[in-house]
Each structure stands twice: as C-alpha cells, then as structure tokens.
Amino acid sequence: MSTAQELYTTGIREHFAPALRALGFRGWRHSFSLPDRDRWAVLGVHAVRSDGRVRYTVNLSVTDKAAWDRRRIRPDANDPTGLERWHAPIGEVMPVGGEVWWEVVPGPRWLVAVEDSVAAVRGYALPELRRRLRPEDRGPYLLPAALDGVNNALAIAGVARIQRAELADGILELRGAWSRHDPAARQVLAGAARGFLSARDHRFRLVRVLDTLDRPLWEFPAGNQDGAG
C-alpha cells in the first residue's frame, strides 16, 4: 500500500496542480500564481508530515511587483516577508473561518481531501485573488460574511447551516444537510437566492442548492426565484 507521503505527492502532481492550471494558475508542486503585469497573486501549498499522515493547507498573497526585488521569481505565500499587499490563509476567505487543513491518509478515499482542496481554491481562493488584482471591480465575489445572514436565518428556522458554498461560472452552489421535503430550508434559501440575484451582478445568474451527497434539491435562476425542483 502506498504511504501517505506517496499519495500526497501523487495527489498534488496529478490532480491538484493540473486542476489549478486549468483554472488559470501557472506553476507546479507547491507554488502557483495568476498572470498579471503589476502584481504577484500567489497560492502556496504548505504540508506537514507526522504519524504516517500528511496534512496540508493553502496560503494566499498579493505583492506589488515593483516592491519585490526578485521580480523574476514569484514570492512564497508560505513565507511572508512583509512586502505583501495582502496575505491570508485560505480559511480566512471561506465560511468556516480560521485555519483549514486537509489530511491525506492511506485508504480508498485518500483523494477526497485533494478534490475538496481544489473545490476550495475554485470557490474561494481564486475569486478572492482575482478581486484583489482588480480592486476597481464591483466588490467581493463571495466572502464568508455574505453567508452569515443566511446561516443566522437557517438557525432561527431550526434548519441546518450551509456546510459549503462554491461560486464558479456564475453559479453559486450551496450544500447542507437539507431534504427536498424541508419547506423551512427551501423558504430561507429561496430568500437568500433572491438577495444574491437581485443585485443584477453579472457574477451571479443561478443559485443551486444540494444536499451533502451532492443531490440537487432546488435551483433559483436570476429573474425567477421561485425555484425549480
């Protein structure tokens, strides 16, 4: 059986890195950046090995190229120097907040952690890096605070909170322990969808709600928030 280190190396090389390059990043192994003329927007993978397991997290940074004296070599988001315009662990731009780590252990489901980390980059890290490269844009794509009101409303209704939210290609996907036969959840989430979509922001055109097994529950398209399904 492959060791955790071997699986982690395979996961980063054959799954994580190709997925990031497909999203527009350049780089390999543990350092990636988005192409930009004036700034380094960098994503770094930081791994810790112990007790036959590998845990890793993702750090983000944006640095002005004019302030970076080694301009041909991108900064290391895992090793801040103080020259950064912005630096944060990925957990700070996710709904959970704080530190977020993924763990690779030998077994049939070892790739799940890698796939989940790719989803976190696609749904949170990439939009936030793009936003900080273009501060003149219309505000954040989706920051954790944007979900606070929805989760508070769900809690008041006695309904499970949002476990994961992903925003890509104009589709906001919300996942949680809900059921199609849960009218309270549907009502609260429909209201949240109206809030997201009513701003007529080109980044939002559909809110899709799924359960924790990725089974679709409801969809709320822009201009018709009654919901399908």
C-alpha atoms as a PDB file:
ATOM      1  CA  MET A   1       0.000   0.000   0.000  1.00  0.00           C
ATOM      2  CA  SER A   2       1.227   3.475  -0.824  1.00  0.00           C
ATOM      3  CA  THR A   3       2.280   5.695   2.057  1.00  0.00           C
ATOM      4  CA  ALA A   4       0.558   8.969   2.886  1.00  0.00           C
ATOM      5  CA  GLN A   5       3.576  10.867   1.533  1.00  0.00           C
ATOM      6  CA  GLU A   6       3.428   8.982  -1.760  1.00  0.00           C
ATOM      7  CA  LEU A   7      -0.321   9.572  -2.069  1.00  0.00           C
ATOM      8  CA  TYR A   8       0.067  13.252  -1.212  1.00  0.00           C
ATOM      9  CA  THR A   9       2.804  13.693  -3.826  1.00  0.00           C
ATOM     10  CA  THR A  10       0.660  11.928  -6.420  1.00  0.00           C
ATOM     11  CA  GLY A  11      -2.399  13.966  -5.465  1.00  0.00           C
ATOM     12  CA  ILE A  12      -0.615  17.290  -5.832  1.00  0.00           C
ATOM     13  CA  ARG A  13       1.206  16.328  -9.035  1.00  0.00           C
ATOM     14  CA  GLU A  14      -1.590  14.531 -10.887  1.00  0.00           C
ATOM     15  CA  HIS A  15      -4.749  16.183  -9.550  1.00  0.00           C
ATOM     16  CA  PHE A  16      -4.222  19.453  -7.639  1.00  0.00           C
ATOM     17  CA  ALA A  17      -1.646  21.089  -9.933  1.00  0.00           C
ATOM     18  CA  PRO A  18      -3.410  20.231 -13.229  1.00  0.00           C
ATOM     19  CA  ALA A  19      -6.718  21.477 -11.787  1.00  0.00           C
ATOM     20  CA  LEU A  20      -5.141  24.798 -10.794  1.00  0.00           C
ATOM     21  CA  ARG A  21      -3.548  25.224 -14.203  1.00  0.00           C
ATOM     22  CA  ALA A  22      -6.956  24.608 -15.773  1.00  0.00           C
ATOM     23  CA  LEU A  23      -8.250  27.469 -13.599  1.00  0.00           C
ATOM     24  CA  GLY A  24      -5.619  29.826 -14.994  1.00  0.00           C
ATOM     25  CA  PHE A  25      -2.793  29.452 -12.475  1.00  0.00           C
ATOM     26  CA  ARG A  26       0.808  28.997 -13.505  1.00  0.00           C
ATOM     27  CA  GLY A  27       3.209  26.899 -11.511  1.00  0.00           C
ATOM     28  CA  TRP A  28       3.710  23.422 -10.154  1.00  0.00           C
ATOM     29  CA  ARG A  29       4.182  21.429  -6.957  1.00  0.00           C
ATOM     30  CA  HIS A  30       3.638  23.917  -4.110  1.00  0.00           C
ATOM     31  CA  SER A  31       3.659  27.369  -5.683  1.00  0.00           C
ATOM     32  CA  PHE A  32       1.213  28.861  -8.184  1.00  0.00           C
ATOM     33  CA  SER A  33       0.396  32.351  -9.411  1.00  0.00           C
ATOM     34  CA  LEU A  34      -2.143  34.123 -11.572  1.00  0.00           C
ATOM     35  CA  PRO A  35      -0.722  36.018 -14.555  1.00  0.00           C
ATOM     36  CA  ASP A  36      -0.729  39.778 -14.009  1.00  0.00           C
ATOM     37  CA  ARG A  37       1.506  42.602 -15.228  1.00  0.00           C
ATOM     38  CA  ASP A  38       1.765  44.558 -11.988  1.00  0.00           C
ATOM     39  CA  ARG A  39       1.229  42.145  -9.104  1.00  0.00           C
ATOM     40  CA  TRP A  40       2.076  38.676  -7.926  1.00  0.00           C
ATOM     41  CA  ALA A  41      -1.101  36.826  -6.891  1.00  0.00           C
ATOM     42  CA  VAL A  42       0.336  33.700  -5.324  1.00  0.00           C
ATOM     43  CA  LEU A  43      -1.050  30.481  -3.888  1.00  0.00           C
ATOM     44  CA  GLY A  44       1.219  28.283  -1.795  1.00  0.00           C
ATOM     45  CA  VAL A  45       0.646  24.749  -0.530  1.00  0.00           C
ATOM     46  CA  HIS A  46       2.123  24.107   2.926  1.00  0.00           C
ATOM     47  CA  ALA A  47       2.384  20.479   4.087  1.00  0.00           C
ATOM     48  CA  VAL A  48       3.170  18.937   7.478  1.00  0.00           C
ATOM     49  CA  ARG A  49       4.074  15.275   7.861  1.00  0.00           C
ATOM     50  CA  SER A  50       3.647  13.278  11.085  1.00  0.00           C
ATOM     51  CA  ASP A  51       2.484   9.861  12.320  1.00  0.00           C
ATOM     52  CA  GLY A  52       2.117   8.424   8.834  1.00  0.00           C
ATOM     53  CA  ARG A  53      -0.200  11.252   7.740  1.00  0.00           C
ATOM     54  CA  VAL A  54       0.219  14.342   5.624  1.00  0.00           C
ATOM     55  CA  ARG A  55      -1.754  17.470   6.438  1.00  0.00           C
ATOM     56  CA  TYR A  56      -1.672  20.485   4.180  1.00  0.00           C
ATOM     57  CA  THR A  57      -3.172  23.921   3.884  1.00  0.00           C
ATOM     58  CA  VAL A  58      -3.136  26.755   1.357  1.00  0.00           C
ATOM     59  CA  ASN A  59      -1.832  30.287   1.826  1.00  0.00           C
ATOM     60  CA  LEU A  60      -2.546  33.293  -0.385  1.00  0.00           C
ATOM     61  CA  SER A  61      -0.712  36.535  -1.030  1.00  0.00           C
ATOM     62  CA  VAL A  62      -0.696  39.538  -3.344  1.00  0.00           C
ATOM     63  CA  THR A  63       2.512  41.534  -3.788  1.00  0.00           C
ATOM     64  CA  ASP A  64       3.286  44.518  -5.997  1.00  0.00           C
ATOM     65  CA  LYS A  65       5.989  43.524  -8.461  1.00  0.00           C
ATOM     66  CA  ALA A  66       7.591  46.937  -8.049  1.00  0.00           C
ATOM     67  CA  ALA A  67       8.120  46.155  -4.359  1.00  0.00           C
ATOM     68  CA  TRP A  68       9.528  42.688  -4.974  1.00  0.00           C
ATOM     69  CA  ASP A  69      13.282  42.747  -5.555  1.00  0.00           C
ATOM     70  CA  ARG A  70      13.416  39.262  -7.098  1.00  0.00           C
ATOM     71  CA  ARG A  71      10.922  40.038  -9.825  1.00  0.00           C
ATOM     72  CA  ARG A  72      11.626  37.009 -11.970  1.00  0.00           C
ATOM     73  CA  ILE A  73      10.856  34.672  -9.061  1.00  0.00           C
ATOM     74  CA  ARG A  74       7.401  34.817  -7.531  1.00  0.00           C
ATOM     75  CA  PRO A  75       7.071  35.356  -3.770  1.00  0.00           C
ATOM     76  CA  ASP A  76       6.381  32.399  -1.499  1.00  0.00           C
ATOM     77  CA  ALA A  77       2.908  32.686   0.038  1.00  0.00           C
ATOM     78  CA  ASN A  78       4.012  30.247   2.752  1.00  0.00           C
ATOM     79  CA  ASP A  79       6.840  32.567   3.841  1.00  0.00           C
ATOM     80  CA  PRO A  80       5.607  36.170   4.103  1.00  0.00           C
ATOM     81  CA  THR A  81       8.228  38.910   4.053  1.00  0.00           C
ATOM     82  CA  GLY A  82       6.194  41.980   4.945  1.00  0.00           C
ATOM     83  CA  LEU A  83       6.255  43.268   1.381  1.00  0.00           C
ATOM     84  CA  GLU A  84       2.845  41.785   0.632  1.00  0.00           C
ATOM     85  CA  ARG A  85      -0.118  43.981  -0.146  1.00  0.00           C
ATOM     86  CA  TRP A  86      -2.273  41.180   1.331  1.00  0.00           C
ATOM     87  CA  HIS A  87      -1.594  37.783   2.884  1.00  0.00           C
ATOM     88  CA  ALA A  88      -4.001  35.244   4.394  1.00  0.00           C
ATOM     89  CA  PRO A  89      -4.599  31.532   4.910  1.00  0.00           C
ATOM     90  CA  ILE A  90      -7.367  30.146   2.740  1.00  0.00           C
ATOM     91  CA  GLY A  91      -9.585  29.662   5.796  1.00  0.00           C
ATOM     92  CA  GLU A  92      -9.997  33.426   6.115  1.00  0.00           C
ATOM     93  CA  VAL A  93     -11.844  33.593   2.791  1.00  0.00           C
ATOM     94  CA  MET A  94     -14.005  30.526   3.477  1.00  0.00           C
ATOM     95  CA  PRO A  95     -17.239  30.419   5.500  1.00  0.00           C
ATOM     96  CA  VAL A  96     -15.619  28.341   8.255  1.00  0.00           C
ATOM     97  CA  GLY A  97     -13.000  30.994   9.013  1.00  0.00           C
ATOM     98  CA  GLY A  98      -9.738  30.304  10.829  1.00  0.00           C
ATOM     99  CA  GLU A  99      -7.353  27.595   9.730  1.00  0.00           C
ATOM    100  CA  VAL A 100      -8.361  24.922   7.240  1.00  0.00           C
ATOM    101  CA  TRP A 101      -6.273  21.789   6.746  1.00  0.00           C
ATOM    102  CA  TRP A 102      -6.721  18.751   4.513  1.00  0.00           C
ATOM    103  CA  GLU A 103      -5.363  15.369   5.527  1.00  0.00           C
ATOM    104  CA  VAL A 104      -4.149  12.589   3.256  1.00  0.00           C
ATOM    105  CA  VAL A 105      -4.088   9.105   4.757  1.00  0.00           C
ATOM    106  CA  PRO A 106      -3.760   5.716   3.053  1.00  0.00           C
ATOM    107  CA  GLY A 107      -7.071   4.169   2.100  1.00  0.00           C
ATOM    108  CA  PRO A 108      -9.643   4.059  -0.690  1.00  0.00           C
ATOM    109  CA  ARG A 109     -10.840   7.640  -0.085  1.00  0.00           C
ATOM    110  CA  TRP A 110      -7.452   9.342   0.090  1.00  0.00           C
ATOM    111  CA  LEU A 111      -8.210  11.518  -2.969  1.00  0.00           C
ATOM    112  CA  VAL A 112     -11.282  13.111  -1.360  1.00  0.00           C
ATOM    113  CA  ALA A 113      -9.121  15.592   0.569  1.00  0.00           C
ATOM    114  CA  VAL A 114      -7.306  16.673  -2.592  1.00  0.00           C
ATOM    115  CA  GLU A 115     -10.557  17.115  -4.510  1.00  0.00           C
ATOM    116  CA  ASP A 116     -12.035  19.146  -1.650  1.00  0.00           C
ATOM    117  CA  SER A 117      -8.996  21.424  -1.571  1.00  0.00           C
ATOM    118  CA  VAL A 118      -9.350  22.036  -5.313  1.00  0.00           C
ATOM    119  CA  ALA A 119     -13.004  22.958  -4.748  1.00  0.00           C
ATOM    120  CA  ALA A 120     -11.940  25.412  -2.023  1.00  0.00           C
ATOM    121  CA  VAL A 121      -9.447  27.049  -4.369  1.00  0.00           C
ATOM    122  CA  ARG A 122     -12.013  27.279  -7.169  1.00  0.00           C
ATOM    123  CA  GLY A 123     -14.811  28.579  -4.979  1.00  0.00           C
ATOM    124  CA  TYR A 124     -12.938  30.921  -2.616  1.00  0.00           C
ATOM    125  CA  ALA A 125      -9.210  31.437  -3.201  1.00  0.00           C
ATOM    126  CA  LEU A 126      -9.403  32.138  -6.936  1.00  0.00           C
ATOM    127  CA  PRO A 127     -12.259  34.688  -6.727  1.00  0.00           C
ATOM    128  CA  GLU A 128     -10.549  36.476  -3.833  1.00  0.00           C
ATOM    129  CA  LEU A 129      -7.192  36.668  -5.598  1.00  0.00           C
ATOM    130  CA  ARG A 130      -8.895  37.973  -8.733  1.00  0.00           C
ATOM    131  CA  ARG A 131     -10.768  40.551  -6.681  1.00  0.00           C
ATOM    132  CA  ARG A 132      -7.547  41.813  -5.110  1.00  0.00           C
ATOM    133  CA  LEU A 133      -5.889  42.037  -8.507  1.00  0.00           C
ATOM    134  CA  ARG A 134      -8.810  44.208  -9.668  1.00  0.00           C
ATOM    135  CA  PRO A 135      -9.807  46.394  -6.696  1.00  0.00           C
ATOM    136  CA  GLU A 136     -11.884  48.545  -9.035  1.00  0.00           C
ATOM    137  CA  ASP A 137     -14.221  45.564  -9.579  1.00  0.00           C
ATOM    138  CA  ARG A 138     -17.690  45.571  -8.031  1.00  0.00           C
ATOM    139  CA  GLY A 139     -16.692  44.150  -4.689  1.00  0.00           C
ATOM    140  CA  PRO A 140     -16.079  40.618  -3.418  1.00  0.00           C
ATOM    141  CA  TYR A 141     -17.348  37.612  -5.290  1.00  0.00           C
ATOM    142  CA  LEU A 142     -18.404  35.836  -2.146  1.00  0.00           C
ATOM    143  CA  LEU A 143     -16.813  36.353   1.240  1.00  0.00           C
ATOM    144  CA  PRO A 144     -17.692  34.420   4.409  1.00  0.00           C
ATOM    145  CA  ALA A 145     -19.619  37.391   5.787  1.00  0.00           C
ATOM    146  CA  ALA A 146     -22.002  37.109   2.846  1.00  0.00           C
ATOM    147  CA  LEU A 147     -23.262  33.830   4.306  1.00  0.00           C
ATOM    148  CA  ASP A 148     -23.629  34.981   7.924  1.00  0.00           C
ATOM    149  CA  GLY A 149     -27.148  36.317   7.437  1.00  0.00           C
ATOM    150  CA  VAL A 150     -28.248  33.156   5.625  1.00  0.00           C
ATOM    151  CA  ASN A 151     -26.851  30.881   8.326  1.00  0.00           C
ATOM    152  CA  ASN A 152     -28.463  33.003  11.040  1.00  0.00           C
ATOM    153  CA  ALA A 153     -31.826  32.734   9.293  1.00  0.00           C
ATOM    154  CA  LEU A 154     -31.391  28.976   8.933  1.00  0.00           C
ATOM    155  CA  ALA A 155     -30.569  28.696  12.631  1.00  0.00           C
ATOM    156  CA  ILE A 156     -33.666  30.696  13.598  1.00  0.00           C
ATOM    157  CA  ALA A 157     -35.775  28.372  11.420  1.00  0.00           C
ATOM    158  CA  GLY A 158     -34.207  25.348  13.119  1.00  0.00           C
ATOM    159  CA  VAL A 159     -32.566  24.248   9.867  1.00  0.00           C
ATOM    160  CA  ALA A 160     -29.026  23.004   9.209  1.00  0.00           C
ATOM    161  CA  ARG A 161     -26.490  25.674   8.260  1.00  0.00           C
ATOM    162  CA  ILE A 162     -24.584  25.881   4.983  1.00  0.00           C
ATOM    163  CA  GLN A 163     -21.704  23.422   5.046  1.00  0.00           C
ATOM    164  CA  ARG A 164     -20.059  24.512   1.825  1.00  0.00           C
ATOM    165  CA  ALA A 165     -20.571  27.218  -0.770  1.00  0.00           C
ATOM    166  CA  GLU A 166     -18.878  27.352  -4.158  1.00  0.00           C
ATOM    167  CA  LEU A 167     -19.091  30.079  -6.768  1.00  0.00           C
ATOM    168  CA  ALA A 168     -17.963  29.362 -10.322  1.00  0.00           C
ATOM    169  CA  ASP A 169     -19.112  30.469 -13.766  1.00  0.00           C
ATOM    170  CA  GLY A 170     -21.991  32.496 -12.351  1.00  0.00           C
ATOM    171  CA  ILE A 171     -23.424  29.563 -10.364  1.00  0.00           C
ATOM    172  CA  LEU A 172     -23.491  29.679  -6.575  1.00  0.00           C
ATOM    173  CA  GLU A 173     -23.807  26.164  -5.148  1.00  0.00           C
ATOM    174  CA  LEU A 174     -24.900  25.798  -1.536  1.00  0.00           C
ATOM    175  CA  ARG A 175     -24.534  22.432   0.213  1.00  0.00           C
ATOM    176  CA  GLY A 176     -26.007  21.380   3.533  1.00  0.00           C
ATOM    177  CA  ALA A 177     -27.872  18.673   5.419  1.00  0.00           C
ATOM    178  CA  TRP A 178     -31.243  19.553   3.931  1.00  0.00           C
ATOM    179  CA  SER A 179     -34.038  17.499   2.399  1.00  0.00           C
ATOM    180  CA  ARG A 180     -36.307  18.147  -0.559  1.00  0.00           C
ATOM    181  CA  HIS A 181     -39.182  17.730   1.913  1.00  0.00           C
ATOM    182  CA  ASP A 182     -37.959  20.549   4.151  1.00  0.00           C
ATOM    183  CA  PRO A 183     -40.102  23.630   3.426  1.00  0.00           C
ATOM    184  CA  ALA A 184     -38.355  25.788   6.037  1.00  0.00           C
ATOM    185  CA  ALA A 185     -34.968  25.251   4.431  1.00  0.00           C
ATOM    186  CA  ARG A 186     -36.378  25.919   0.986  1.00  0.00           C
ATOM    187  CA  GLN A 187     -38.039  29.146   2.124  1.00  0.00           C
ATOM    188  CA  VAL A 188     -34.888  30.520   3.767  1.00  0.00           C
ATOM    189  CA  LEU A 189     -32.635  29.522   0.873  1.00  0.00           C
ATOM    190  CA  ALA A 190     -35.061  30.958  -1.675  1.00  0.00           C
ATOM    191  CA  GLY A 191     -34.911  34.248   0.204  1.00  0.00           C
ATOM    192  CA  ALA A 192     -31.117  34.112   0.213  1.00  0.00           C
ATOM    193  CA  ALA A 193     -31.126  33.455  -3.534  1.00  0.00           C
ATOM    194  CA  ARG A 194     -33.328  36.498  -4.103  1.00  0.00           C
ATOM    195  CA  GLY A 195     -30.831  38.565  -2.173  1.00  0.00           C
ATOM    196  CA  PHE A 196     -27.849  37.332  -4.164  1.00  0.00           C
ATOM    197  CA  LEU A 197     -29.565  37.611  -7.536  1.00  0.00           C
ATOM    198  CA  SER A 198     -31.484  40.857  -7.090  1.00  0.00           C
ATOM    199  CA  ALA A 199     -28.298  42.940  -7.249  1.00  0.00           C
ATOM    200  CA  ARG A 200     -28.162  42.256 -11.001  1.00  0.00           C
ATOM    201  CA  ASP A 201     -24.497  41.391 -10.629  1.00  0.00           C
ATOM    202  CA  HIS A 202     -23.145  39.611 -13.696  1.00  0.00           C
ATOM    203  CA  ARG A 203     -21.238  37.201 -11.444  1.00  0.00           C
ATOM    204  CA  PHE A 204     -24.494  35.647 -10.193  1.00  0.00           C
ATOM    205  CA  ARG A 205     -27.029  34.067 -12.526  1.00  0.00           C
ATOM    206  CA  LEU A 206     -28.118  30.924 -10.662  1.00  0.00           C
ATOM    207  CA  VAL A 207     -28.235  29.625  -7.096  1.00  0.00           C
ATOM    208  CA  ARG A 208     -28.219  25.844  -6.859  1.00  0.00           C
ATOM    209  CA  VAL A 209     -28.952  24.004  -3.608  1.00  0.00           C
ATOM    210  CA  LEU A 210     -27.660  20.466  -2.999  1.00  0.00           C
ATOM    211  CA  ASP A 211     -27.614  18.096  -0.059  1.00  0.00           C
ATOM    212  CA  THR A 212     -24.423  16.716   1.474  1.00  0.00           C
ATOM    213  CA  LEU A 213     -24.393  13.837  -1.025  1.00  0.00           C
ATOM    214  CA  ASP A 214     -24.412  16.339  -3.928  1.00  0.00           C
ATOM    215  CA  ARG A 215     -28.016  15.505  -4.834  1.00  0.00           C
ATOM    216  CA  PRO A 216     -29.769  18.554  -6.336  1.00  0.00           C
ATOM    217  CA  LEU A 217     -32.649  19.969  -4.304  1.00  0.00           C
ATOM    218  CA  TRP A 218     -33.646  23.345  -5.766  1.00  0.00           C
ATOM    219  CA  GLU A 219     -32.451  25.893  -8.319  1.00  0.00           C
ATOM    220  CA  PHE A 220     -33.144  29.623  -8.219  1.00  0.00           C
ATOM    221  CA  PRO A 221     -32.294  31.363 -11.508  1.00  0.00           C
ATOM    222  CA  ALA A 222     -31.986  35.121 -11.893  1.00  0.00           C
ATOM    223  CA  GLY A 223     -35.339  36.674 -12.710  1.00  0.00           C
ATOM    224  CA  ASN A 224     -37.302  33.708 -11.341  1.00  0.00           C
ATOM    225  CA  GLN A 225     -36.519  32.943  -7.724  1.00  0.00           C
ATOM    226  CA  ASP A 226     -39.483  30.677  -7.071  1.00  0.00           C
ATOM    227  CA  GLY A 227     -37.128  27.766  -7.659  1.00  0.00           C
ATOM    228  CA  ALA A 228     -37.275  24.576  -9.652  1.00  0.00           C
ATOM    229  CA  GLY A 229     -37.359  21.020  -8.411  1.00  0.00           C
END
